[in-house]
């Protein structure tokens, strides 16, 4: 467990004092494929480090009645619901995408870690900014596209060539 946590992206470049603080508070947990780890609007005040397997982070979009995958995490990654930092309602869910072994750290100890070690705090801010940029740049999809429902007039191919459809991932409607 200790070696896997040392290899976690969040702790890249951390000194021995960080690990002396963290190691006594870690607990290994396992989840079967498809099993929920964090559920939206439920209590779960832990930060997780992935040792093996994969974890899918999703959110439910009520207006569209669909689930949006935010990211798929592999070993070396960490995750928690943002509510660990804000003490607010859970805004997303995490599921074991495949059988997974995780190490968890209680949220209060994670906050203490960030307060005591500014380097880890800076790394977390950078990771959150990168994740936010990735999620914001995701392309929207048409969830139930049926080609027979699409009626195109020939003129549209003159206005927007088919090669542009492929390059830009668009369907002119």
Protein backbone atom coordinates (compact mmCIF):
# COMPACT_ATOMS: atom_id res chain seq x y z
CA UNK A 1 0.00 0.00 0.00
CA UNK A 2 2.72 2.47 0.95
CA UNK A 3 4.63 2.07 -2.30
CA UNK A 4 1.47 2.50 -4.38
CA UNK A 5 0.55 5.69 -2.51
CA UNK A 6 4.09 7.01 -2.99
CA UNK A 7 3.62 6.48 -6.74
CA UNK A 8 0.32 8.39 -6.77
CA UNK A 9 0.34 11.40 -9.06
CA UNK A 10 -0.72 13.71 -6.20
CA UNK A 11 2.43 12.91 -4.21
CA UNK A 12 4.94 13.34 -7.05
CA UNK A 13 7.96 15.11 -5.57
CA UNK A 14 6.65 14.96 -1.99
CA UNK A 15 9.17 14.58 0.82
CA UNK A 16 9.27 11.92 3.55
CA UNK A 17 7.35 14.12 6.02
CA UNK A 18 4.25 13.93 3.83
CA UNK A 19 4.30 10.13 3.88
CA UNK A 20 5.02 9.98 7.62
CA UNK A 21 1.84 11.97 8.11
CA UNK A 22 -0.31 10.05 5.60
CA UNK A 23 0.64 6.38 6.12
CA UNK A 24 -0.93 5.85 9.59
CA UNK A 25 -4.32 7.05 8.29
CA UNK A 26 -4.66 4.85 5.20
CA UNK A 27 -7.11 1.96 4.80
CA UNK A 28 -7.28 -0.51 1.88
CA UNK A 29 -10.72 -1.27 0.43
CA UNK A 30 -11.84 -3.38 -2.54
CA UNK A 31 -14.76 -2.94 -4.92
CA UNK A 32 -16.19 -5.32 -7.52
CA UNK A 33 -16.81 -4.13 -11.08
CA UNK A 34 -19.91 -1.91 -11.18
CA UNK A 35 -20.03 -1.39 -7.42
CA UNK A 36 -20.60 2.20 -6.23
CA UNK A 37 -17.80 3.90 -4.32
CA UNK A 38 -19.32 7.38 -3.99
CA UNK A 39 -22.97 8.12 -4.77
CA UNK A 40 -24.38 11.51 -5.61
CA UNK A 41 -26.12 13.14 -2.60
CA UNK A 42 -24.88 10.49 -0.14
CA UNK A 43 -22.34 10.87 2.64
CA UNK A 44 -18.78 9.79 1.83
CA UNK A 45 -16.01 11.85 3.34
CA UNK A 46 -12.92 10.08 1.96
CA UNK A 47 -10.20 10.63 -0.59
CA UNK A 48 -9.30 7.52 -2.60
CA UNK A 49 -6.03 6.46 -4.21
CA UNK A 50 -6.26 3.78 -6.91
CA UNK A 51 -3.92 0.81 -6.43
CA UNK A 52 -5.38 -1.48 -9.10
CA UNK A 53 -8.35 -1.57 -11.44
CA UNK A 54 -10.19 1.45 -12.80
CA UNK A 55 -12.79 3.89 -11.48
CA UNK A 56 -15.37 5.78 -13.52
CA UNK A 57 -16.45 9.23 -12.32
CA UNK A 58 -19.93 10.23 -13.53
CA UNK A 59 -22.67 12.76 -12.93
CA UNK A 60 -26.38 12.59 -13.65
CA UNK A 61 -27.81 15.35 -15.85
CA UNK A 62 -31.45 15.55 -14.79
CA UNK A 63 -32.59 17.85 -17.62
CA UNK A 64 -31.38 15.36 -20.22
CA UNK A 65 -32.09 12.22 -18.15
CA UNK A 66 -28.67 10.79 -18.86
CA UNK A 67 -25.38 10.03 -17.17
CA UNK A 68 -22.25 11.87 -18.27
CA UNK A 69 -18.86 10.23 -17.81
CA UNK A 70 -16.43 12.82 -16.48
CA UNK A 71 -13.33 10.66 -16.46
CA UNK A 72 -11.95 7.14 -16.14
CA UNK A 73 -9.15 6.81 -13.59
CA UNK A 74 -6.38 4.19 -13.43
CA UNK A 75 -3.71 3.29 -10.84
CA UNK A 76 -1.67 6.27 -9.72
CA UNK A 77 -4.77 8.50 -9.70
CA UNK A 78 -6.68 9.87 -6.75
CA UNK A 79 -10.26 11.09 -6.43
CA UNK A 80 -12.87 12.37 -4.02
CA UNK A 81 -16.06 14.27 -4.36
CA UNK A 82 -15.41 18.01 -4.18
CA UNK A 83 -17.59 18.06 -1.06
CA UNK A 84 -14.59 16.76 0.91
CA UNK A 85 -13.24 20.30 0.54
CA UNK A 86 -16.50 22.26 0.60
CA UNK A 87 -18.59 20.22 3.07
CA UNK A 88 -21.52 20.44 0.64
CA UNK A 89 -23.72 17.83 -1.06
CA UNK A 90 -22.11 15.25 -3.30
CA UNK A 91 -22.08 16.41 -6.89
CA UNK A 92 -21.13 13.19 -8.64
CA UNK A 93 -20.70 9.45 -8.34
CA UNK A 94 -17.81 7.04 -8.65
CA UNK A 95 -18.12 3.39 -9.65
CA UNK A 96 -15.60 0.60 -9.95
CA UNK A 97 -15.26 0.29 -13.72
CA UNK A 98 -13.50 -3.02 -13.13
CA UNK A 99 -12.50 -4.84 -9.96
CA UNK A 100 -10.51 -2.27 -8.02
CA UNK A 101 -8.37 -2.01 -4.92
CA UNK A 102 -8.27 1.46 -3.42
CA UNK A 103 -6.68 3.11 -0.42
CA UNK A 104 -8.77 5.68 1.37
CA UNK A 105 -7.90 8.59 3.61
CA UNK A 106 -10.54 10.32 5.72
CA UNK A 107 -11.46 13.79 4.48
CA UNK A 108 -10.49 15.52 7.74
CA UNK A 109 -6.98 14.05 7.51
CA UNK A 110 -6.80 15.08 3.86
CA UNK A 111 -7.64 18.70 4.80
CA UNK A 112 -5.01 18.56 7.51
CA UNK A 113 -2.52 17.23 4.93
CA UNK A 114 -3.25 20.18 2.63
CA UNK A 115 -2.84 22.65 5.50
CA UNK A 116 0.48 21.19 6.65
CA UNK A 117 2.07 20.60 3.23
CA UNK A 118 1.61 23.47 0.74
CA UNK A 119 3.35 21.52 -2.06
CA UNK A 120 0.62 18.87 -2.00
CA UNK A 121 -2.01 21.61 -1.87
CA UNK A 122 -0.54 23.28 -4.99
CA UNK A 123 -0.47 19.91 -6.78
CA UNK A 124 -4.16 19.36 -5.93
CA UNK A 125 -5.12 22.81 -7.24
CA UNK A 126 -3.27 22.06 -10.49
CA UNK A 127 -5.00 18.66 -10.83
CA UNK A 128 -8.44 20.21 -10.22
CA UNK A 129 -7.79 22.93 -12.82
CA UNK A 130 -6.69 20.32 -15.40
CA UNK A 131 -9.70 18.10 -14.69
CA UNK A 132 -12.06 21.07 -14.98
CA UNK A 133 -10.52 22.07 -18.30
CA UNK A 134 -10.87 18.51 -19.59
CA UNK A 135 -14.52 18.23 -18.56
CA UNK A 136 -15.40 21.67 -19.97
CA UNK A 137 -13.82 20.83 -23.32
CA UNK A 138 -15.67 17.51 -23.81
CA UNK A 139 -17.85 17.38 -26.91
CA UNK A 140 -21.59 17.03 -26.55
CA UNK A 141 -23.13 13.96 -28.16
CA UNK A 142 -26.49 12.98 -29.54
CA UNK A 143 -27.27 10.00 -27.29
CA UNK A 144 -29.78 8.17 -29.47
CA UNK A 145 -28.90 9.10 -33.05
CA UNK A 146 -30.97 7.30 -35.67
CA UNK A 147 -29.65 7.86 -39.22
CA UNK A 148 -33.08 7.34 -40.80
CA UNK A 149 -34.39 10.38 -38.90
CA UNK A 150 -31.92 12.61 -40.71
CA UNK A 151 -33.19 14.23 -43.93
CA UNK A 152 -30.52 16.17 -45.80
CA UNK A 153 -30.94 18.25 -48.90
CA UNK A 154 -28.21 18.12 -51.52
CA UNK A 155 -27.49 21.85 -51.13
CA UNK A 156 -26.17 21.31 -47.60
CA UNK A 157 -23.15 19.42 -48.98
CA UNK A 158 -22.27 22.49 -51.05
CA UNK A 159 -22.57 24.77 -48.05
CA UNK A 160 -20.64 22.50 -45.65
CA UNK A 161 -18.60 19.79 -47.43
CA UNK A 162 -18.79 16.25 -46.05
CA UNK A 163 -15.04 16.34 -45.33
CA UNK A 164 -15.74 19.15 -42.85
CA UNK A 165 -18.37 17.00 -41.15
CA UNK A 166 -15.74 14.41 -40.41
CA UNK A 167 -12.95 16.83 -39.48
CA UNK A 168 -15.06 18.89 -37.06
CA UNK A 169 -17.36 16.10 -35.88
CA UNK A 170 -20.53 17.95 -36.92
CA UNK A 171 -23.83 17.01 -38.48
CA UNK A 172 -25.54 20.02 -40.10
CA UNK A 173 -29.21 20.02 -39.18
